[in-house]
Amino acid sequence: MEKNYSDKIIGIWKFSHKISPETLVEIAKKWAEEDSRYEHLYVRQVSKDQHGIGFEYRAYEGSDSETQKQAYDDYFEKMTDRLKKEFGNDLAGWDISSRAYLIK
């Protein structure tokens, strides 16, 4: 497969059942206002009783692979620190990648 990766970090932040979907919607709206690099933000169920904030984040444009890795690391560290401070153990996990093939 041709290495035609997107210029985005794509993933989902997962939260415990204690955090309501309505709360997550408010958080996602705040992120959208704070940072225009979020291209998509949504809240969805991620397991039987958990919800998450899904996102597509434009982290780098036309950068070399080392710059892309640094941008990914910076984003991931900033957001995990922020979410752990705000939610502690109610941040249940994540599924995030800097390597995605966008089809449409």
N, C-alpha and C. Protein backbone atom coordinates (compact mmCIF):
# COMPACT_ATOMS: atom_id res chain seq x y z
N MET A 1 0.85 -1.18 0.00
CA MET A 1 0.00 0.00 0.00
C MET A 1 0.89 1.24 0.00
N GLU A 2 0.53 2.20 -0.78
CA GLU A 2 1.26 3.46 -0.86
C GLU A 2 1.18 4.20 0.47
N LYS A 3 2.28 4.81 0.89
CA LYS A 3 2.31 5.56 2.14
C LYS A 3 1.72 6.94 1.92
N ASN A 4 0.42 7.01 1.94
CA ASN A 4 -0.30 8.26 1.75
C ASN A 4 -1.09 8.55 3.02
N TYR A 5 -0.34 8.79 4.09
CA TYR A 5 -0.96 9.01 5.39
C TYR A 5 -1.61 10.38 5.45
N SER A 6 -2.60 10.49 6.29
CA SER A 6 -3.24 11.78 6.49
C SER A 6 -2.35 12.67 7.34
N ASP A 7 -2.69 13.94 7.40
CA ASP A 7 -1.94 14.89 8.22
C ASP A 7 -2.68 15.11 9.55
N LYS A 8 -3.37 14.07 10.01
CA LYS A 8 -4.23 14.22 11.19
C LYS A 8 -3.94 13.16 12.24
N ILE A 9 -4.22 13.52 13.47
CA ILE A 9 -4.28 12.55 14.55
C ILE A 9 -5.76 12.22 14.70
N ILE A 10 -6.07 10.94 14.69
CA ILE A 10 -7.46 10.51 14.75
C ILE A 10 -7.62 9.53 15.90
N GLY A 11 -8.67 9.71 16.68
CA GLY A 11 -8.85 8.78 17.79
C GLY A 11 -10.06 9.07 18.63
N ILE A 12 -10.04 8.46 19.81
CA ILE A 12 -11.13 8.66 20.75
C ILE A 12 -10.58 8.59 22.17
N TRP A 13 -11.03 9.52 23.00
CA TRP A 13 -10.74 9.52 24.43
C TRP A 13 -11.92 8.86 25.12
N LYS A 14 -11.67 7.85 25.95
CA LYS A 14 -12.73 7.07 26.57
C LYS A 14 -12.85 7.42 28.06
N PHE A 15 -14.08 7.49 28.54
CA PHE A 15 -14.35 7.89 29.92
C PHE A 15 -15.20 6.85 30.64
N SER A 16 -15.09 6.83 31.96
CA SER A 16 -15.86 5.87 32.76
C SER A 16 -17.35 6.19 32.67
N HIS A 17 -18.14 5.24 33.13
CA HIS A 17 -19.60 5.40 33.12
C HIS A 17 -20.07 6.56 33.99
N LYS A 18 -19.22 7.06 34.87
CA LYS A 18 -19.58 8.17 35.76
C LYS A 18 -19.71 9.49 35.01
N ILE A 19 -19.08 9.58 33.84
CA ILE A 19 -19.10 10.82 33.06
C ILE A 19 -20.21 10.70 32.01
N SER A 20 -21.18 11.58 32.09
CA SER A 20 -22.34 11.50 31.20
C SER A 20 -22.00 11.95 29.78
N PRO A 21 -22.74 11.46 28.80
CA PRO A 21 -22.55 11.93 27.43
C PRO A 21 -22.76 13.44 27.32
N GLU A 22 -23.70 13.98 28.09
CA GLU A 22 -23.97 15.42 28.05
C GLU A 22 -22.74 16.22 28.52
N THR A 23 -22.07 15.72 29.53
CA THR A 23 -20.85 16.37 30.01
C THR A 23 -19.78 16.34 28.92
N LEU A 24 -19.66 15.20 28.26
CA LEU A 24 -18.67 15.07 27.19
C LEU A 24 -18.98 15.99 26.02
N VAL A 25 -20.26 16.17 25.71
CA VAL A 25 -20.64 17.10 24.64
C VAL A 25 -20.17 18.51 25.00
N GLU A 26 -20.36 18.91 26.23
CA GLU A 26 -19.92 20.25 26.66
C GLU A 26 -18.40 20.38 26.56
N ILE A 27 -17.68 19.34 26.93
CA ILE A 27 -16.22 19.36 26.84
C ILE A 27 -15.78 19.47 25.39
N ALA A 28 -16.40 18.69 24.52
CA ALA A 28 -16.05 18.72 23.09
C ALA A 28 -16.33 20.10 22.49
N LYS A 29 -17.44 20.72 22.88
CA LYS A 29 -17.74 22.07 22.39
C LYS A 29 -16.66 23.05 22.83
N LYS A 30 -16.20 22.91 24.07
CA LYS A 30 -15.14 23.77 24.59
C LYS A 30 -13.85 23.58 23.78
N TRP A 31 -13.50 22.32 23.51
CA TRP A 31 -12.30 22.06 22.70
C TRP A 31 -12.41 22.71 21.33
N ALA A 32 -13.58 22.61 20.72
CA ALA A 32 -13.79 23.18 19.39
C ALA A 32 -13.59 24.69 19.40
N GLU A 33 -14.02 25.34 20.47
CA GLU A 33 -13.85 26.79 20.58
C GLU A 33 -12.39 27.17 20.85
N GLU A 34 -11.69 26.35 21.60
CA GLU A 34 -10.32 26.65 22.00
C GLU A 34 -9.29 26.40 20.91
N ASP A 35 -9.56 25.43 20.03
CA ASP A 35 -8.53 25.00 19.08
C ASP A 35 -9.15 24.70 17.73
N SER A 36 -8.87 25.53 16.75
CA SER A 36 -9.46 25.38 15.41
C SER A 36 -8.89 24.19 14.64
N ARG A 37 -7.87 23.53 15.17
CA ARG A 37 -7.30 22.37 14.47
C ARG A 37 -8.15 21.11 14.61
N TYR A 38 -9.15 21.15 15.51
CA TYR A 38 -10.08 20.03 15.56
C TYR A 38 -11.00 20.14 14.35
N GLU A 39 -10.95 19.15 13.48
CA GLU A 39 -11.80 19.17 12.29
C GLU A 39 -13.12 18.44 12.53
N HIS A 40 -13.09 17.43 13.38
CA HIS A 40 -14.30 16.71 13.76
C HIS A 40 -14.22 16.38 15.24
N LEU A 41 -15.32 16.55 15.91
CA LEU A 41 -15.47 16.15 17.31
C LEU A 41 -16.85 15.55 17.47
N TYR A 42 -16.94 14.44 18.15
CA TYR A 42 -18.23 13.80 18.37
C TYR A 42 -18.17 12.99 19.66
N VAL A 43 -19.31 12.71 20.22
CA VAL A 43 -19.42 11.87 21.41
C VAL A 43 -20.18 10.62 21.00
N ARG A 44 -19.67 9.47 21.42
CA ARG A 44 -20.35 8.22 21.11
C ARG A 44 -20.12 7.20 22.21
N GLN A 45 -20.96 6.20 22.24
CA GLN A 45 -20.81 5.10 23.16
C GLN A 45 -19.60 4.28 22.73
N VAL A 46 -18.77 3.87 23.71
CA VAL A 46 -17.58 3.08 23.38
C VAL A 46 -17.62 1.69 23.99
N SER A 47 -18.52 1.46 24.92
CA SER A 47 -18.75 0.14 25.50
C SER A 47 -20.15 0.14 26.10
N LYS A 48 -20.50 -0.91 26.77
CA LYS A 48 -21.85 -1.03 27.30
C LYS A 48 -22.27 0.20 28.11
N ASP A 49 -21.36 0.71 28.93
CA ASP A 49 -21.74 1.81 29.81
C ASP A 49 -20.77 3.00 29.77
N GLN A 50 -19.94 3.06 28.76
CA GLN A 50 -18.98 4.16 28.65
C GLN A 50 -19.19 4.93 27.36
N HIS A 51 -18.79 6.21 27.42
CA HIS A 51 -18.82 7.07 26.23
C HIS A 51 -17.44 7.69 26.03
N GLY A 52 -17.24 8.23 24.86
CA GLY A 52 -15.97 8.84 24.56
C GLY A 52 -16.12 10.03 23.64
N ILE A 53 -15.06 10.80 23.55
CA ILE A 53 -14.99 11.93 22.62
C ILE A 53 -14.09 11.51 21.47
N GLY A 54 -14.70 11.38 20.29
CA GLY A 54 -13.94 11.06 19.09
C GLY A 54 -13.50 12.34 18.41
N PHE A 55 -12.37 12.27 17.72
CA PHE A 55 -11.85 13.49 17.12
C PHE A 55 -10.99 13.21 15.90
N GLU A 56 -10.86 14.23 15.10
CA GLU A 56 -9.91 14.30 14.00
C GLU A 56 -9.20 15.64 14.18
N TYR A 57 -7.89 15.59 14.36
CA TYR A 57 -7.12 16.78 14.73
C TYR A 57 -6.00 17.00 13.74
N ARG A 58 -6.00 18.16 13.11
CA ARG A 58 -4.97 18.52 12.14
C ARG A 58 -3.72 18.98 12.90
N ALA A 59 -2.77 18.07 13.07
CA ALA A 59 -1.61 18.35 13.90
C ALA A 59 -0.41 18.84 13.12
N TYR A 60 -0.35 18.47 11.87
CA TYR A 60 0.83 18.83 11.07
C TYR A 60 0.44 18.89 9.60
N GLU A 61 1.13 19.73 8.89
CA GLU A 61 0.85 19.88 7.46
C GLU A 61 2.17 19.87 6.71
N GLY A 62 2.34 18.89 5.86
CA GLY A 62 3.52 18.83 5.02
C GLY A 62 4.83 18.71 5.77
N SER A 63 4.78 18.18 6.97
CA SER A 63 5.98 18.07 7.79
C SER A 63 6.69 16.75 7.53
N ASP A 64 7.98 16.71 7.84
CA ASP A 64 8.71 15.45 7.74
C ASP A 64 8.30 14.53 8.89
N SER A 65 8.70 13.28 8.82
CA SER A 65 8.23 12.30 9.78
C SER A 65 8.66 12.61 11.21
N GLU A 66 9.84 13.18 11.40
CA GLU A 66 10.29 13.52 12.76
C GLU A 66 9.45 14.64 13.35
N THR A 67 9.10 15.64 12.54
CA THR A 67 8.25 16.73 13.00
C THR A 67 6.86 16.20 13.32
N GLN A 68 6.36 15.28 12.49
CA GLN A 68 5.05 14.68 12.73
C GLN A 68 5.04 13.91 14.03
N LYS A 69 6.09 13.14 14.29
CA LYS A 69 6.16 12.37 15.53
C LYS A 69 6.17 13.31 16.73
N GLN A 70 6.91 14.40 16.64
CA GLN A 70 6.97 15.35 17.75
C GLN A 70 5.61 16.02 17.97
N ALA A 71 4.92 16.36 16.89
CA ALA A 71 3.59 16.97 17.01
C ALA A 71 2.62 16.00 17.66
N TYR A 72 2.67 14.72 17.27
CA TYR A 72 1.82 13.70 17.87
C TYR A 72 2.14 13.57 19.35
N ASP A 73 3.42 13.45 19.69
CA ASP A 73 3.83 13.30 21.09
C ASP A 73 3.38 14.50 21.92
N ASP A 74 3.55 15.69 21.37
CA ASP A 74 3.14 16.91 22.09
C ASP A 74 1.63 16.92 22.35
N TYR A 75 0.86 16.61 21.32
CA TYR A 75 -0.60 16.57 21.47
C TYR A 75 -1.00 15.53 22.52
N PHE A 76 -0.47 14.32 22.37
CA PHE A 76 -0.85 13.23 23.27
C PHE A 76 -0.49 13.56 24.72
N GLU A 77 0.70 14.05 24.95
CA GLU A 77 1.12 14.38 26.32
C GLU A 77 0.28 15.51 26.90
N LYS A 78 0.03 16.55 26.11
CA LYS A 78 -0.78 17.68 26.58
C LYS A 78 -2.18 17.23 26.96
N MET A 79 -2.80 16.44 26.09
CA MET A 79 -4.18 16.04 26.34
C MET A 79 -4.29 15.00 27.46
N THR A 80 -3.39 14.04 27.53
CA THR A 80 -3.48 13.07 28.62
C THR A 80 -3.27 13.76 29.96
N ASP A 81 -2.32 14.68 30.03
CA ASP A 81 -2.12 15.43 31.28
C ASP A 81 -3.38 16.20 31.65
N ARG A 82 -3.93 16.90 30.67
CA ARG A 82 -5.13 17.71 30.91
C ARG A 82 -6.30 16.85 31.38
N LEU A 83 -6.53 15.73 30.69
CA LEU A 83 -7.67 14.88 31.02
C LEU A 83 -7.46 14.13 32.34
N LYS A 84 -6.25 13.73 32.64
CA LYS A 84 -5.98 13.06 33.91
C LYS A 84 -6.17 14.03 35.07
N LYS A 85 -5.76 15.29 34.89
CA LYS A 85 -5.97 16.29 35.94
C LYS A 85 -7.45 16.54 36.17
N GLU A 86 -8.20 16.61 35.08
CA GLU A 86 -9.63 16.93 35.18
C GLU A 86 -10.47 15.73 35.62
N PHE A 87 -10.12 14.53 35.16
CA PHE A 87 -10.98 13.37 35.39
C PHE A 87 -10.35 12.26 36.22
N GLY A 88 -9.07 12.32 36.47
CA GLY A 88 -8.41 11.26 37.24
C GLY A 88 -8.65 9.90 36.61
N ASN A 89 -9.07 8.96 37.43
CA ASN A 89 -9.31 7.59 36.94
C ASN A 89 -10.56 7.46 36.08
N ASP A 90 -11.33 8.53 35.96
CA ASP A 90 -12.50 8.48 35.08
C ASP A 90 -12.13 8.66 33.61
N LEU A 91 -10.86 8.97 33.33
CA LEU A 91 -10.35 8.84 31.97
C LEU A 91 -10.02 7.36 31.84
N ALA A 92 -10.85 6.64 31.10
CA ALA A 92 -10.77 5.18 31.07
C ALA A 92 -9.77 4.67 30.03
N GLY A 93 -9.37 5.49 29.08
CA GLY A 93 -8.43 5.03 28.07
C GLY A 93 -8.54 5.85 26.81
N TRP A 94 -7.90 5.34 25.76
CA TRP A 94 -7.87 6.04 24.49
C TRP A 94 -7.51 5.06 23.38
N ASP A 95 -7.82 5.47 22.19
CA ASP A 95 -7.42 4.75 20.98
C ASP A 95 -7.08 5.84 19.98
N ILE A 96 -5.79 6.10 19.83
CA ILE A 96 -5.34 7.25 19.05
C ILE A 96 -4.21 6.82 18.13
N SER A 97 -4.20 7.36 16.92
CA SER A 97 -3.14 7.05 15.98
C SER A 97 -2.76 8.26 15.15
N SER A 98 -1.49 8.32 14.83
CA SER A 98 -1.04 9.37 13.91
C SER A 98 -0.90 8.82 12.49
N ARG A 99 -1.15 7.53 12.33
CA ARG A 99 -1.07 6.90 11.02
C ARG A 99 -2.45 6.48 10.58
N ALA A 100 -3.04 7.22 9.68
CA ALA A 100 -4.37 6.88 9.19
C ALA A 100 -4.41 7.10 7.70
N TYR A 101 -5.13 6.26 7.02
CA TYR A 101 -5.39 6.40 5.59
C TYR A 101 -6.81 6.92 5.44
N LEU A 102 -6.96 8.15 5.04
CA LEU A 102 -8.31 8.69 4.83
C LEU A 102 -8.77 8.31 3.43
N ILE A 103 -9.93 7.73 3.37
CA ILE A 103 -10.48 7.27 2.10
C ILE A 103 -11.43 8.31 1.52
N LYS A 104 -12.30 8.84 2.36
CA LYS A 104 -13.28 9.82 1.88
C LYS A 104 -13.55 10.82 2.96
